[in-house]
PDB file of N, CA and C in Angstrom:
ATOM      1  N   MET A   1      58.363-115.075 -48.536  1.00  0.00           N
ATOM      2  CA  MET A   1      59.486-114.156 -48.372  1.00  0.00           C
ATOM      3  C   MET A   1      59.928-113.732 -49.761  1.00  0.00           C
ATOM      4  N   LEU A   2      60.222-112.461 -49.887  1.00  0.00           N
ATOM      5  CA  LEU A   2      60.648-111.873 -51.158  1.00  0.00           C
ATOM      6  C   LEU A   2      62.034-111.261 -50.982  1.00  0.00           C
ATOM      7  N   ALA A   3      62.871-111.411 -52.003  1.00  0.00           N
ATOM      8  CA  ALA A   3      64.140-110.723 -52.028  1.00  0.00           C
ATOM      9  C   ALA A   3      64.387-110.312 -53.491  1.00  0.00           C
ATOM     10  N   ALA A   4      64.463-109.014 -53.757  1.00  0.00           N
ATOM     11  CA  ALA A   4      64.621-108.515 -55.102  1.00  0.00           C
ATOM     12  C   ALA A   4      65.619-107.389 -55.133  1.00  0.00           C
ATOM     13  N   GLU A   5      66.398-107.323 -56.197  1.00  0.00           N
ATOM     14  CA  GLU A   5      67.361-106.232 -56.388  1.00  0.00           C
ATOM     15  C   GLU A   5      67.321-105.796 -57.848  1.00  0.00           C
ATOM     16  N   LEU A   6      67.533-104.485 -58.067  1.00  0.00           N
ATOM     17  CA  LEU A   6      67.562-103.928 -59.421  1.00  0.00           C
ATOM     18  C   LEU A   6      68.703-102.925 -59.480  1.00  0.00           C
ATOM     19  N   THR A   7      69.472-103.003 -60.566  1.00  0.00           N
ATOM     20  CA  THR A   7      70.558-102.044 -60.760  1.00  0.00           C
ATOM     21  C   THR A   7      70.427-101.411 -62.127  1.00  0.00           C
ATOM     22  N   LEU A   8      70.543-100.081 -62.199  1.00  0.00           N
ATOM     23  CA  LEU A   8      70.554 -99.303 -63.467  1.00  0.00           C
ATOM     24  C   LEU A   8      71.950 -98.674 -63.595  1.00  0.00           C
ATOM     25  N   GLU A   9      72.514 -98.792 -64.767  1.00  0.00           N
ATOM     26  CA  GLU A   9      73.795 -98.129 -65.024  1.00  0.00           C
ATOM     27  C   GLU A   9      73.726 -97.359 -66.321  1.00  0.00           C
ATOM     28  N   ALA A  10      73.952 -96.071 -66.236  1.00  0.00           N
ATOM     29  CA  ALA A  10      74.036 -95.198 -67.402  1.00  0.00           C
ATOM     30  C   ALA A  10      72.774 -95.258 -68.287  1.00  0.00           C
ATOM     31  N   LEU A  11      71.593 -95.231 -67.693  1.00  0.00           N
ATOM     32  CA  LEU A  11      70.373 -95.190 -68.459  1.00  0.00           C
ATOM     33  C   LEU A  11      70.247 -93.806 -69.069  1.00  0.00           C
ATOM     34  N   GLU A  12      70.247 -93.713 -70.395  1.00  0.00           N
ATOM     35  CA  GLU A  12      70.171 -92.420 -71.112  1.00  0.00           C
ATOM     36  C   GLU A  12      68.718 -91.979 -71.128  1.00  0.00           C
ATOM     37  N   LEU A  13      68.414 -90.929 -70.353  1.00  0.00           N
ATOM     38  CA  LEU A  13      67.037 -90.489 -70.202  1.00  0.00           C
ATOM     39  C   LEU A  13      66.483 -89.908 -71.509  1.00  0.00           C
ATOM     40  N   GLY A  14      67.314 -89.330 -72.336  1.00  0.00           N
ATOM     41  CA  GLY A  14      66.887 -88.763 -73.613  1.00  0.00           C
ATOM     42  C   GLY A  14      66.473 -89.803 -74.623  1.00  0.00           C
ATOM     43  N   ARG A  15      66.793 -91.067 -74.352  1.00  0.00           N
ATOM     44  CA  ARG A  15      66.445 -92.147 -75.285  1.00  0.00           C
ATOM     45  C   ARG A  15      65.192 -92.938 -74.858  1.00  0.00           C
ATOM     46  N   LEU A  16      64.591 -92.525 -73.764  1.00  0.00           N
ATOM     47  CA  LEU A  16      63.359 -93.193 -73.318  1.00  0.00           C
ATOM     48  C   LEU A  16      62.222 -92.924 -74.320  1.00  0.00           C
ATOM     49  N   PRO A  17      61.364 -93.881 -74.518  1.00  0.00           N
ATOM     50  CA  PRO A  17      60.231 -93.697 -75.460  1.00  0.00           C
ATOM     51  C   PRO A  17      59.342 -92.522 -75.037  1.00  0.00           C
ATOM     52  N   ARG A  18      58.817 -91.798 -75.991  1.00  0.00           N
ATOM     53  CA  ARG A  18      57.996 -90.625 -75.724  1.00  0.00           C
ATOM     54  C   ARG A  18      56.691 -90.975 -75.005  1.00  0.00           C
ATOM     55  N   VAL A  19      56.291 -92.217 -75.054  1.00  0.00           N
ATOM     56  CA  VAL A  19      55.114 -92.630 -74.299  1.00  0.00           C
ATOM     57  C   VAL A  19      55.407 -92.655 -72.817  1.00  0.00           C
ATOM     58  N   VAL A  20      56.687 -92.820 -72.453  1.00  0.00           N
ATOM     59  CA  VAL A  20      57.135 -92.810 -71.036  1.00  0.00           C
ATOM     60  C   VAL A  20      57.463 -91.413 -70.587  1.00  0.00           C
ATOM     61  N   VAL A  21      58.163 -90.658 -71.404  1.00  0.00           N
ATOM     62  CA  VAL A  21      58.604 -89.300 -71.056  1.00  0.00           C
ATOM     63  C   VAL A  21      58.217 -88.367 -72.209  1.00  0.00           C
ATOM     64  N   PRO A  22      57.241 -87.485 -72.028  1.00  0.00           N
ATOM     65  CA  PRO A  22      56.827 -86.582 -73.090  1.00  0.00           C
ATOM     66  C   PRO A  22      57.978 -85.724 -73.607  1.00  0.00           C
ATOM     67  N   ALA A  23      57.989 -85.479 -74.922  1.00  0.00           N
ATOM     68  CA  ALA A  23      59.030 -84.644 -75.525  1.00  0.00           C
ATOM     69  C   ALA A  23      59.065 -83.245 -74.912  1.00  0.00           C
ATOM     70  N   SER A  24      57.925 -82.765 -74.422  1.00  0.00           N
ATOM     71  CA  SER A  24      57.867 -81.413 -73.848  1.00  0.00           C
ATOM     72  C   SER A  24      58.741 -81.288 -72.612  1.00  0.00           C
ATOM     73  N   LEU A  25      59.118 -82.360 -71.982  1.00  0.00           N
ATOM     74  CA  LEU A  25      60.022 -82.293 -70.823  1.00  0.00           C
ATOM     75  C   LEU A  25      61.483 -82.038 -71.223  1.00  0.00           C
ATOM     76  N   ALA A  26      61.813 -82.360 -72.470  1.00  0.00           N
ATOM     77  CA  ALA A  26      63.206 -82.189 -72.915  1.00  0.00           C
ATOM     78  C   ALA A  26      64.197 -82.790 -71.909  1.00  0.00           C
ATOM     79  N   LEU A  27      63.896 -84.009 -71.456  1.00  0.00           N
ATOM     80  CA  LEU A  27      64.643 -84.693 -70.442  1.00  0.00           C
ATOM     81  C   LEU A  27      65.926 -85.288 -71.023  1.00  0.00           C
ATOM     82  N   SER A  28      67.046 -85.077 -70.325  1.00  0.00           N
ATOM     83  CA  SER A  28      68.297 -85.705 -70.748  1.00  0.00           C
ATOM     84  C   SER A  28      69.166 -85.981 -69.529  1.00  0.00           C
ATOM     85  N   GLY A  29      70.248 -86.687 -69.745  1.00  0.00           N
ATOM     86  CA  GLY A  29      71.170 -87.028 -68.681  1.00  0.00           C
ATOM     87  C   GLY A  29      71.237 -88.561 -68.540  1.00  0.00           C
ATOM     88  N   ARG A  30      72.067 -88.984 -67.595  1.00  0.00           N
ATOM     89  CA  ARG A  30      72.221 -90.388 -67.320  1.00  0.00           C
ATOM     90  C   ARG A  30      71.799 -90.706 -65.882  1.00  0.00           C
ATOM     91  N   LEU A  31      71.100 -91.824 -65.777  1.00  0.00           N
ATOM     92  CA  LEU A  31      70.603 -92.233 -64.480  1.00  0.00           C
ATOM     93  C   LEU A  31      71.265 -93.534 -64.049  1.00  0.00           C
ATOM     94  N   ASP A  32      71.795 -93.530 -62.829  1.00  0.00           N
ATOM     95  CA  ASP A  32      72.359 -94.734 -62.234  1.00  0.00           C
ATOM     96  C   ASP A  32      71.570 -94.957 -60.930  1.00  0.00           C
ATOM     97  N   GLY A  33      71.340 -96.235 -60.613  1.00  0.00           N
ATOM     98  CA  GLY A  33      70.632 -96.456 -59.357  1.00  0.00           C
ATOM     99  C   GLY A  33      70.556 -97.913 -58.949  1.00  0.00           C
ATOM    100  N   THR A  34      70.187 -98.079 -57.708  1.00  0.00           N
ATOM    101  CA  THR A  34      69.951 -99.411 -57.189  1.00  0.00           C
ATOM    102  C   THR A  34      68.674 -99.370 -56.354  1.00  0.00           C
ATOM    103  N   ALA A  35      67.971-100.515 -56.376  1.00  0.00           N
ATOM    104  CA  ALA A  35      66.755-100.640 -55.550  1.00  0.00           C
ATOM    105  C   ALA A  35      66.768-102.085 -55.048  1.00  0.00           C
ATOM    106  N   SER A  36      66.258-102.211 -53.828  1.00  0.00           N
ATOM    107  CA  SER A  36      66.154-103.553 -53.259  1.00  0.00           C
ATOM    108  C   SER A  36      64.910-103.609 -52.355  1.00  0.00           C
ATOM    109  N   ALA A  37      64.360-104.798 -52.264  1.00  0.00           N
ATOM    110  CA  ALA A  37      63.176-105.028 -51.367  1.00  0.00           C
ATOM    111  C   ALA A  37      63.347-106.402 -50.759  1.00  0.00           C
ATOM    112  N   ARG A  38      63.001-106.529 -49.483  1.00  0.00           N
ATOM    113  CA  ARG A  38      63.096-107.770 -48.785  1.00  0.00           C
ATOM    114  C   ARG A  38      61.944-107.881 -47.800  1.00  0.00           C
ATOM    115  N   GLY A  39      61.537-109.125 -47.560  1.00  0.00           N
ATOM    116  CA  GLY A  39      60.527-109.377 -46.529  1.00  0.00           C
ATOM    117  C   GLY A  39      59.284-110.018 -47.086  1.00  0.00           C
ATOM    118  N   ARG A  40      58.318-110.130 -46.243  1.00  0.00           N
ATOM    119  CA  ARG A  40      57.013-110.662 -46.657  1.00  0.00           C
ATOM    120  C   ARG A  40      56.248-109.560 -47.391  1.00  0.00           C
ATOM    121  N   LEU A  41      55.364-109.956 -48.261  1.00  0.00           N
ATOM    122  CA  LEU A  41      54.581-108.979 -49.019  1.00  0.00           C
ATOM    123  C   LEU A  41      53.799-108.012 -48.079  1.00  0.00           C
ATOM    124  N   SER A  42      53.416-108.500 -46.958  1.00  0.00           N
ATOM    125  CA  SER A  42      52.637-107.685 -46.036  1.00  0.00           C
ATOM    126  C   SER A  42      53.545-106.690 -45.269  1.00  0.00           C
ATOM    127  N   ARG A  43      54.876-106.928 -45.252  1.00  0.00           N
ATOM    128  CA  ARG A  43      55.798-106.034 -44.528  1.00  0.00           C
ATOM    129  C   ARG A  43      57.116-105.892 -45.291  1.00  0.00           C
ATOM    130  N   LEU A  44      57.069-105.387 -46.507  1.00  0.00           N
ATOM    131  CA  LEU A  44      58.282-105.211 -47.267  1.00  0.00           C
ATOM    132  C   LEU A  44      59.136-104.058 -46.727  1.00  0.00           C
ATOM    133  N   ALA A  45      60.413-104.225 -46.781  1.00  0.00           N
ATOM    134  CA  ALA A  45      61.358-103.184 -46.460  1.00  0.00           C
ATOM    135  C   ALA A  45      62.185-102.945 -47.709  1.00  0.00           C
ATOM    136  N   GLY A  46      62.432-101.702 -48.067  1.00  0.00           N
ATOM    137  CA  GLY A  46      63.152-101.413 -49.288  1.00  0.00           C
ATOM    138  C   GLY A  46      64.136-100.259 -49.155  1.00  0.00           C
ATOM    139  N   GLU A  47      65.043-100.205 -50.107  1.00  0.00           N
ATOM    140  CA  GLU A  47      66.007 -99.137 -50.207  1.00  0.00           C
ATOM    141  C   GLU A  47      66.104 -98.697 -51.644  1.00  0.00           C
ATOM    142  N   LEU A  48      66.343 -97.388 -51.881  1.00  0.00           N
ATOM    143  CA  LEU A  48      66.474 -96.853 -53.215  1.00  0.00           C
ATOM    144  C   LEU A  48      67.580 -95.800 -53.195  1.00  0.00           C
ATOM    145  N   SER A  49      68.430 -95.877 -54.206  1.00  0.00           N
ATOM    146  CA  SER A  49      69.500 -94.889 -54.374  1.00  0.00           C
ATOM    147  C   SER A  49      69.592 -94.564 -55.850  1.00  0.00           C
ATOM    148  N   VAL A  50      69.505 -93.240 -56.177  1.00  0.00           N
ATOM    149  CA  VAL A  50      69.514 -92.820 -57.583  1.00  0.00           C
ATOM    150  C   VAL A  50      70.488 -91.635 -57.746  1.00  0.00           C
ATOM    151  N   THR A  51      71.242 -91.640 -58.856  1.00  0.00           N
ATOM    152  CA  THR A  51      72.103 -90.524 -59.198  1.00  0.00           C
ATOM    153  C   THR A  51      71.769 -90.083 -60.630  1.00  0.00           C
ATOM    154  N   TRP A  52      71.543 -88.797 -60.835  1.00  0.00           N
ATOM    155  CA  TRP A  52      71.227 -88.222 -62.144  1.00  0.00           C
ATOM    156  C   TRP A  52      72.389 -87.319 -62.520  1.00  0.00           C
ATOM    157  N   ALA A  53      73.107 -87.698 -63.580  1.00  0.00           N
ATOM    158  CA  ALA A  53      74.284 -86.928 -63.994  1.00  0.00           C
ATOM    159  C   ALA A  53      74.062 -86.218 -65.346  1.00  0.00           C
ATOM    160  N   ASP A  54      74.623 -85.047 -65.503  1.00  0.00           N
ATOM    161  CA  ASP A  54      74.513 -84.265 -66.724  1.00  0.00           C
ATOM    162  C   ASP A  54      73.051 -84.074 -67.121  1.00  0.00           C
ATOM    163  N   GLY A  55      72.212 -83.803 -66.128  1.00  0.00           N
ATOM    164  CA  GLY A  55      70.790 -83.754 -66.349  1.00  0.00           C
ATOM    165  C   GLY A  55      70.306 -82.427 -66.885  1.00  0.00           C
ATOM    166  N   ALA A  56      69.186 -82.473 -67.613  1.00  0.00           N
ATOM    167  CA  ALA A  56      68.484 -81.292 -68.076  1.00  0.00           C
ATOM    168  C   ALA A  56      67.005 -81.630 -68.199  1.00  0.00           C
ATOM    169  N   VAL A  57      66.179 -80.651 -67.875  1.00  0.00           N
ATOM    170  CA  VAL A  57      64.759 -80.826 -68.002  1.00  0.00           C
ATOM    171  C   VAL A  57      64.155 -79.434 -68.313  1.00  0.00           C
ATOM    172  N   ARG A  58      63.360 -79.404 -69.391  1.00  0.00           N
ATOM    173  CA  ARG A  58      62.701 -78.169 -69.831  1.00  0.00           C
ATOM    174  C   ARG A  58      63.663 -76.971 -69.929  1.00  0.00           C
ATOM    175  N   GLY A  59      64.870 -77.249 -70.414  1.00  0.00           N
ATOM    176  CA  GLY A  59      65.850 -76.173 -70.639  1.00  0.00           C
ATOM    177  C   GLY A  59      66.687 -75.843 -69.408  1.00  0.00           C
ATOM    178  N   LEU A  60      66.363 -76.392 -68.265  1.00  0.00           N
ATOM    179  CA  LEU A  60      67.175 -76.183 -67.086  1.00  0.00           C
ATOM    180  C   LEU A  60      68.313 -77.222 -67.079  1.00  0.00           C
ATOM    181  N   GLU A  61      69.534 -76.763 -67.236  1.00  0.00           N
ATOM    182  CA  GLU A  61      70.676 -77.658 -67.372  1.00  0.00           C
ATOM    183  C   GLU A  61      71.441 -77.767 -66.034  1.00  0.00           C
ATOM    184  N   GLY A  62      72.262 -78.793 -65.934  1.00  0.00           N
ATOM    185  CA  GLY A  62      73.076 -78.986 -64.731  1.00  0.00           C
ATOM    186  C   GLY A  62      72.321 -79.630 -63.582  1.00  0.00           C
ATOM    187  N   VAL A  63      71.218 -80.275 -63.879  1.00  0.00           N
ATOM    188  CA  VAL A  63      70.409 -80.927 -62.854  1.00  0.00           C
ATOM    189  C   VAL A  63      71.146 -82.187 -62.424  1.00  0.00           C
ATOM    190  N   THR A  64      71.337 -82.388 -61.124  1.00  0.00           N
ATOM    191  CA  THR A  64      71.979 -83.597 -60.588  1.00  0.00           C
ATOM    192  C   THR A  64      71.169 -84.071 -59.399  1.00  0.00           C
TER     193      THR A  64
END
């Protein structure tokens, strides 16, 4: 049986290493989120919730 939870608060996307997010994306904003998984490995059930605030990508601003 597995039970796992992950919480992200105010992850600054513009500060991620370029190996993870190429500079050409010009990614910015803050990411908040939660993820959880429960059950046996053969039948995991999960939930994911993500919020992107003040986002921008490739010059497109106001992405949420």
